[in-house]
Amino acid sequence: MAFKFEKLIVWQKAVDLSDVVNQVKKQFPKEEVYILTSQIKRAADSVSLNIAEGSTGQSNPEFNRFLGIALRSAIKVVGCIFLAKRREYISDDDFYKIYKMCEEILVMINALRNSLK
């Protein structure tokens, strides 16, 4: 592994989240393609991308800032799945799977942020 972020379990789990969201979003109706589908996909991708960007060659305060962005992106994913569930675009199983993944990632991001202080 060449980059520091690749060793981070939280980054690996964020990439897994992105994969799951990418599969689930395919169930969304076509009229959502530039709305909710785009939002959830970009938010899910943003979690791993901000962890990666912040971890490499950054100071601890700067890494902490990027982790804050990743955290907010994960929360945005949760908001999106609530909308998708309410609009009946996703199943209960998909909702809970993504919800639990986000919950775990949030705990890990917060622990990582606390370790930087």
N, C-alpha and C. Protein backbone atom coordinates (compact mmCIF):
# COMPACT_ATOMS: atom_id res chain seq x y z
N MET A 1 0.84 -1.19 0.00
CA MET A 1 0.00 0.00 0.00
C MET A 1 0.88 1.24 0.00
N ALA A 2 0.68 2.06 -0.99
CA ALA A 2 1.56 3.20 -1.20
C ALA A 2 1.13 4.45 -0.46
N PHE A 3 -0.15 4.60 -0.18
CA PHE A 3 -0.63 5.82 0.44
C PHE A 3 -1.13 5.55 1.85
N LYS A 4 -0.93 6.52 2.72
CA LYS A 4 -1.30 6.39 4.13
C LYS A 4 -2.77 6.01 4.31
N PHE A 5 -3.65 6.62 3.54
CA PHE A 5 -5.08 6.39 3.72
C PHE A 5 -5.50 4.96 3.44
N GLU A 6 -4.76 4.25 2.60
CA GLU A 6 -5.13 2.88 2.24
C GLU A 6 -5.10 1.94 3.45
N LYS A 7 -4.32 2.30 4.45
CA LYS A 7 -4.22 1.49 5.67
C LYS A 7 -5.34 1.78 6.65
N LEU A 8 -6.05 2.86 6.45
CA LEU A 8 -7.11 3.26 7.37
C LEU A 8 -8.37 2.41 7.15
N ILE A 9 -8.78 1.71 8.18
CA ILE A 9 -9.99 0.86 8.09
C ILE A 9 -11.20 1.73 7.77
N VAL A 10 -11.25 2.93 8.31
CA VAL A 10 -12.38 3.81 8.05
C VAL A 10 -12.45 4.18 6.57
N TRP A 11 -11.32 4.36 5.93
CA TRP A 11 -11.33 4.64 4.49
C TRP A 11 -11.83 3.42 3.72
N GLN A 12 -11.37 2.24 4.11
CA GLN A 12 -11.80 1.00 3.45
C GLN A 12 -13.31 0.82 3.58
N LYS A 13 -13.84 1.10 4.76
CA LYS A 13 -15.29 0.99 4.98
C LYS A 13 -16.06 2.06 4.19
N ALA A 14 -15.46 3.21 4.04
CA ALA A 14 -16.10 4.27 3.25
C ALA A 14 -16.16 3.88 1.77
N VAL A 15 -15.14 3.20 1.28
CA VAL A 15 -15.17 2.70 -0.10
C VAL A 15 -16.26 1.64 -0.24
N ASP A 16 -16.39 0.78 0.76
CA ASP A 16 -17.47 -0.22 0.76
C ASP A 16 -18.84 0.46 0.72
N LEU A 17 -18.99 1.51 1.50
CA LEU A 17 -20.25 2.28 1.51
C LEU A 17 -20.55 2.80 0.11
N SER A 18 -19.55 3.34 -0.53
CA SER A 18 -19.71 3.87 -1.88
C SER A 18 -20.18 2.79 -2.85
N ASP A 19 -19.62 1.60 -2.72
CA ASP A 19 -20.02 0.48 -3.58
C ASP A 19 -21.49 0.11 -3.35
N VAL A 20 -21.89 0.03 -2.09
CA VAL A 20 -23.27 -0.34 -1.77
C VAL A 20 -24.23 0.73 -2.28
N VAL A 21 -23.91 1.99 -2.04
CA VAL A 21 -24.76 3.09 -2.50
C VAL A 21 -24.86 3.06 -4.03
N ASN A 22 -23.76 2.78 -4.70
CA ASN A 22 -23.76 2.73 -6.15
C ASN A 22 -24.73 1.65 -6.67
N GLN A 23 -24.79 0.53 -5.99
CA GLN A 23 -25.72 -0.53 -6.39
C GLN A 23 -27.17 -0.14 -6.08
N VAL A 24 -27.40 0.39 -4.90
CA VAL A 24 -28.77 0.72 -4.47
C VAL A 24 -29.36 1.86 -5.30
N LYS A 25 -28.55 2.83 -5.66
CA LYS A 25 -29.07 3.98 -6.41
C LYS A 25 -29.61 3.59 -7.79
N LYS A 26 -29.20 2.43 -8.27
CA LYS A 26 -29.69 1.96 -9.57
C LYS A 26 -31.19 1.65 -9.54
N GLN A 27 -31.74 1.51 -8.33
CA GLN A 27 -33.17 1.25 -8.17
C GLN A 27 -34.00 2.54 -8.23
N PHE A 28 -33.35 3.67 -8.12
CA PHE A 28 -34.07 4.94 -8.10
C PHE A 28 -34.68 5.19 -9.48
N PRO A 29 -35.81 5.88 -9.52
CA PRO A 29 -36.45 6.16 -10.82
C PRO A 29 -35.62 7.15 -11.64
N LYS A 30 -35.83 7.10 -12.93
CA LYS A 30 -35.07 7.96 -13.86
C LYS A 30 -35.23 9.45 -13.55
N GLU A 31 -36.41 9.86 -13.08
CA GLU A 31 -36.61 11.29 -12.82
C GLU A 31 -35.76 11.80 -11.66
N GLU A 32 -35.17 10.90 -10.89
CA GLU A 32 -34.30 11.29 -9.78
C GLU A 32 -32.82 11.33 -10.17
N VAL A 33 -32.50 11.02 -11.42
CA VAL A 33 -31.11 10.86 -11.83
C VAL A 33 -30.25 12.09 -11.54
N TYR A 34 -30.79 13.28 -11.71
CA TYR A 34 -30.01 14.50 -11.44
C TYR A 34 -30.35 15.13 -10.10
N ILE A 35 -31.15 14.42 -9.32
CA ILE A 35 -31.56 14.97 -8.03
C ILE A 35 -31.04 14.05 -6.92
N LEU A 36 -31.90 13.20 -6.39
CA LEU A 36 -31.50 12.36 -5.25
C LEU A 36 -30.42 11.34 -5.63
N THR A 37 -30.50 10.76 -6.80
CA THR A 37 -29.50 9.78 -7.23
C THR A 37 -28.11 10.42 -7.24
N SER A 38 -28.02 11.60 -7.81
CA SER A 38 -26.75 12.32 -7.87
C SER A 38 -26.27 12.71 -6.47
N GLN A 39 -27.18 13.18 -5.64
CA GLN A 39 -26.83 13.61 -4.28
C GLN A 39 -26.24 12.47 -3.45
N ILE A 40 -26.93 11.33 -3.46
CA ILE A 40 -26.47 10.23 -2.60
C ILE A 40 -25.15 9.65 -3.11
N LYS A 41 -25.00 9.58 -4.42
CA LYS A 41 -23.76 9.05 -5.00
C LYS A 41 -22.58 9.97 -4.68
N ARG A 42 -22.76 11.27 -4.88
CA ARG A 42 -21.68 12.22 -4.59
C ARG A 42 -21.34 12.25 -3.10
N ALA A 43 -22.37 12.18 -2.25
CA ALA A 43 -22.13 12.20 -0.80
C ALA A 43 -21.37 10.95 -0.37
N ALA A 44 -21.77 9.79 -0.88
CA ALA A 44 -21.08 8.54 -0.51
C ALA A 44 -19.63 8.56 -0.97
N ASP A 45 -19.40 9.00 -2.19
CA ASP A 45 -18.03 9.08 -2.71
C ASP A 45 -17.20 10.08 -1.91
N SER A 46 -17.83 11.15 -1.48
CA SER A 46 -17.14 12.21 -0.75
C SER A 46 -16.56 11.73 0.58
N VAL A 47 -17.17 10.74 1.18
CA VAL A 47 -16.67 10.23 2.46
C VAL A 47 -15.25 9.70 2.28
N SER A 48 -15.08 8.75 1.38
CA SER A 48 -13.74 8.16 1.19
C SER A 48 -12.76 9.16 0.58
N LEU A 49 -13.25 9.99 -0.33
CA LEU A 49 -12.35 10.94 -0.99
C LEU A 49 -11.80 11.98 -0.03
N ASN A 50 -12.61 12.45 0.91
CA ASN A 50 -12.12 13.43 1.88
C ASN A 50 -11.18 12.80 2.90
N ILE A 51 -11.44 11.55 3.27
CA ILE A 51 -10.50 10.86 4.16
C ILE A 51 -9.15 10.72 3.47
N ALA A 52 -9.18 10.31 2.21
CA ALA A 52 -7.93 10.14 1.45
C ALA A 52 -7.20 11.47 1.30
N GLU A 53 -7.91 12.49 0.85
CA GLU A 53 -7.27 13.78 0.61
C GLU A 53 -6.67 14.37 1.88
N GLY A 54 -7.40 14.28 2.96
CA GLY A 54 -6.93 14.87 4.21
C GLY A 54 -5.78 14.14 4.86
N SER A 55 -5.67 12.85 4.60
CA SER A 55 -4.67 12.03 5.31
C SER A 55 -3.26 12.17 4.74
N THR A 56 -3.14 12.58 3.52
CA THR A 56 -1.85 12.54 2.86
C THR A 56 -1.17 13.91 2.85
N GLY A 57 -0.11 14.00 3.60
CA GLY A 57 0.70 15.21 3.61
C GLY A 57 0.06 16.41 4.28
N GLN A 58 -0.88 16.16 5.15
CA GLN A 58 -1.58 17.26 5.81
C GLN A 58 -1.19 17.31 7.29
N SER A 59 -1.34 18.47 7.88
CA SER A 59 -1.16 18.60 9.32
C SER A 59 -2.38 17.98 10.00
N ASN A 60 -2.26 17.71 11.29
CA ASN A 60 -3.40 17.15 12.02
C ASN A 60 -4.63 18.06 11.98
N PRO A 61 -4.49 19.38 12.17
CA PRO A 61 -5.68 20.23 12.06
C PRO A 61 -6.31 20.19 10.67
N GLU A 62 -5.48 20.11 9.63
CA GLU A 62 -6.02 20.05 8.27
C GLU A 62 -6.71 18.70 8.03
N PHE A 63 -6.10 17.61 8.50
CA PHE A 63 -6.71 16.30 8.38
C PHE A 63 -8.05 16.28 9.13
N ASN A 64 -8.07 16.88 10.29
CA ASN A 64 -9.30 16.96 11.09
C ASN A 64 -10.40 17.69 10.32
N ARG A 65 -10.03 18.73 9.59
CA ARG A 65 -11.00 19.49 8.79
C ARG A 65 -11.59 18.60 7.70
N PHE A 66 -10.74 17.84 7.02
CA PHE A 66 -11.22 16.93 5.97
C PHE A 66 -12.09 15.82 6.56
N LEU A 67 -11.72 15.35 7.75
CA LEU A 67 -12.54 14.32 8.40
C LEU A 67 -13.92 14.88 8.76
N GLY A 68 -13.96 16.15 9.12
CA GLY A 68 -15.25 16.80 9.39
C GLY A 68 -16.13 16.83 8.15
N ILE A 69 -15.52 17.08 7.01
CA ILE A 69 -16.26 17.08 5.73
C ILE A 69 -16.74 15.66 5.42
N ALA A 70 -15.89 14.67 5.64
CA ALA A 70 -16.27 13.27 5.42
C ALA A 70 -17.43 12.88 6.33
N LEU A 71 -17.38 13.32 7.57
CA LEU A 71 -18.44 13.03 8.53
C LEU A 71 -19.77 13.62 8.06
N ARG A 72 -19.73 14.87 7.63
CA ARG A 72 -20.96 15.52 7.14
C ARG A 72 -21.48 14.84 5.88
N SER A 73 -20.59 14.36 5.05
CA SER A 73 -21.01 13.64 3.84
C SER A 73 -21.72 12.34 4.21
N ALA A 74 -21.20 11.63 5.21
CA ALA A 74 -21.85 10.39 5.66
C ALA A 74 -23.25 10.69 6.22
N ILE A 75 -23.38 11.80 6.93
CA ILE A 75 -24.68 12.20 7.45
C ILE A 75 -25.63 12.55 6.31
N LYS A 76 -25.09 13.14 5.26
CA LYS A 76 -25.90 13.45 4.08
C LYS A 76 -26.42 12.17 3.42
N VAL A 77 -25.58 11.13 3.39
CA VAL A 77 -26.02 9.84 2.87
C VAL A 77 -27.22 9.34 3.67
N VAL A 78 -27.14 9.47 4.99
CA VAL A 78 -28.25 9.04 5.85
C VAL A 78 -29.51 9.84 5.52
N GLY A 79 -29.37 11.14 5.36
CA GLY A 79 -30.52 11.96 4.97
C GLY A 79 -31.11 11.51 3.65
N CYS A 80 -30.26 11.18 2.71
CA CYS A 80 -30.73 10.71 1.40
C CYS A 80 -31.48 9.40 1.48
N ILE A 81 -30.98 8.47 2.32
CA ILE A 81 -31.68 7.18 2.40
C ILE A 81 -33.03 7.32 3.10
N PHE A 82 -33.14 8.29 4.00
CA PHE A 82 -34.46 8.54 4.60
C PHE A 82 -35.44 9.01 3.53
N LEU A 83 -34.99 9.91 2.67
CA LEU A 83 -35.85 10.37 1.58
C LEU A 83 -36.18 9.22 0.62
N ALA A 84 -35.17 8.44 0.28
CA ALA A 84 -35.38 7.32 -0.64
C ALA A 84 -36.36 6.30 -0.05
N LYS A 85 -36.24 6.05 1.22
CA LYS A 85 -37.16 5.11 1.89
C LYS A 85 -38.58 5.65 1.89
N ARG A 86 -38.70 6.91 2.23
CA ARG A 86 -40.02 7.54 2.28
C ARG A 86 -40.69 7.54 0.90
N ARG A 87 -39.88 7.68 -0.13
CA ARG A 87 -40.41 7.69 -1.51
C ARG A 87 -40.50 6.28 -2.10
N GLU A 88 -40.16 5.29 -1.28
CA GLU A 88 -40.25 3.88 -1.65
C GLU A 88 -39.32 3.50 -2.80
N TYR A 89 -38.13 4.09 -2.80
CA TYR A 89 -37.12 3.76 -3.81
C TYR A 89 -36.22 2.62 -3.35
N ILE A 90 -36.11 2.45 -2.02
CA ILE A 90 -35.22 1.41 -1.49
C ILE A 90 -35.98 0.54 -0.50
N SER A 91 -35.50 -0.67 -0.35
CA SER A 91 -36.10 -1.62 0.58
C SER A 91 -35.66 -1.32 2.01
N ASP A 92 -36.37 -1.91 2.96
CA ASP A 92 -35.96 -1.80 4.36
C ASP A 92 -34.56 -2.36 4.56
N ASP A 93 -34.28 -3.48 3.91
CA ASP A 93 -32.95 -4.11 4.06
C ASP A 93 -31.84 -3.19 3.56
N ASP A 94 -32.04 -2.58 2.40
CA ASP A 94 -31.02 -1.65 1.88
C ASP A 94 -30.89 -0.43 2.78
N PHE A 95 -32.01 0.08 3.26
CA PHE A 95 -31.98 1.23 4.16
C PHE A 95 -31.14 0.91 5.39
N TYR A 96 -31.44 -0.20 6.06
CA TYR A 96 -30.74 -0.53 7.30
C TYR A 96 -29.28 -0.88 7.05
N LYS A 97 -28.98 -1.49 5.93
CA LYS A 97 -27.59 -1.80 5.61
C LYS A 97 -26.77 -0.52 5.48
N ILE A 98 -27.27 0.43 4.71
CA ILE A 98 -26.56 1.70 4.52
C ILE A 98 -26.52 2.49 5.82
N TYR A 99 -27.62 2.50 6.54
CA TYR A 99 -27.70 3.22 7.82
C TYR A 99 -26.63 2.70 8.78
N LYS A 100 -26.53 1.39 8.92
CA LYS A 100 -25.55 0.79 9.83
C LYS A 100 -24.12 1.07 9.37
N MET A 101 -23.90 1.03 8.07
CA MET A 101 -22.56 1.34 7.56
C MET A 101 -22.18 2.78 7.90
N CYS A 102 -23.11 3.70 7.71
CA CYS A 102 -22.84 5.11 8.03
C CYS A 102 -22.61 5.29 9.52
N GLU A 103 -23.41 4.62 10.31
CA GLU A 103 -23.25 4.71 11.77
C GLU A 103 -21.84 4.27 12.18
N GLU A 104 -21.40 3.16 11.64
CA GLU A 104 -20.07 2.64 11.96
C GLU A 104 -18.97 3.61 11.49
N ILE A 105 -19.13 4.14 10.30
CA ILE A 105 -18.15 5.08 9.76
C ILE A 105 -18.10 6.35 10.60
N LEU A 106 -19.25 6.85 11.03
CA LEU A 106 -19.29 8.05 11.87
C LEU A 106 -18.53 7.84 13.18
N VAL A 107 -18.73 6.70 13.80
CA VAL A 107 -18.02 6.39 15.05
C VAL A 107 -16.51 6.35 14.79
N MET A 108 -16.12 5.73 13.69
CA MET A 108 -14.69 5.61 13.38
C MET A 108 -14.07 6.97 13.04
N ILE A 109 -14.79 7.79 12.30
CA ILE A 109 -14.28 9.14 11.99
C ILE A 109 -14.10 9.94 13.26
N ASN A 110 -15.10 9.88 14.15
CA ASN A 110 -14.99 10.63 15.41
C ASN A 110 -13.82 10.13 16.25
N ALA A 111 -13.59 8.82 16.28
CA ALA A 111 -12.46 8.27 17.03
C ALA A 111 -11.15 8.74 16.41
N LEU A 112 -11.07 8.74 15.09
CA LEU A 112 -9.86 9.21 14.41
C LEU A 112 -9.63 10.69 14.70
N ARG A 113 -10.70 11.47 14.65
CA ARG A 113 -10.57 12.91 14.95
C ARG A 113 -10.07 13.12 16.37
N ASN A 114 -10.60 12.36 17.31
CA ASN A 114 -10.16 12.48 18.70
C ASN A 114 -8.70 12.09 18.88
N SER A 115 -8.22 11.15 18.09
CA SER A 115 -6.82 10.71 18.20
C SER A 115 -5.86 11.77 17.66
N LEU A 116 -6.36 12.67 16.86
CA LEU A 116 -5.51 13.72 16.27
C LEU A 116 -5.26 14.88 17.23
N LYS A 117 -6.03 14.96 18.28
CA LYS A 117 -5.92 16.10 19.22
C LYS A 117 -4.74 15.97 20.13
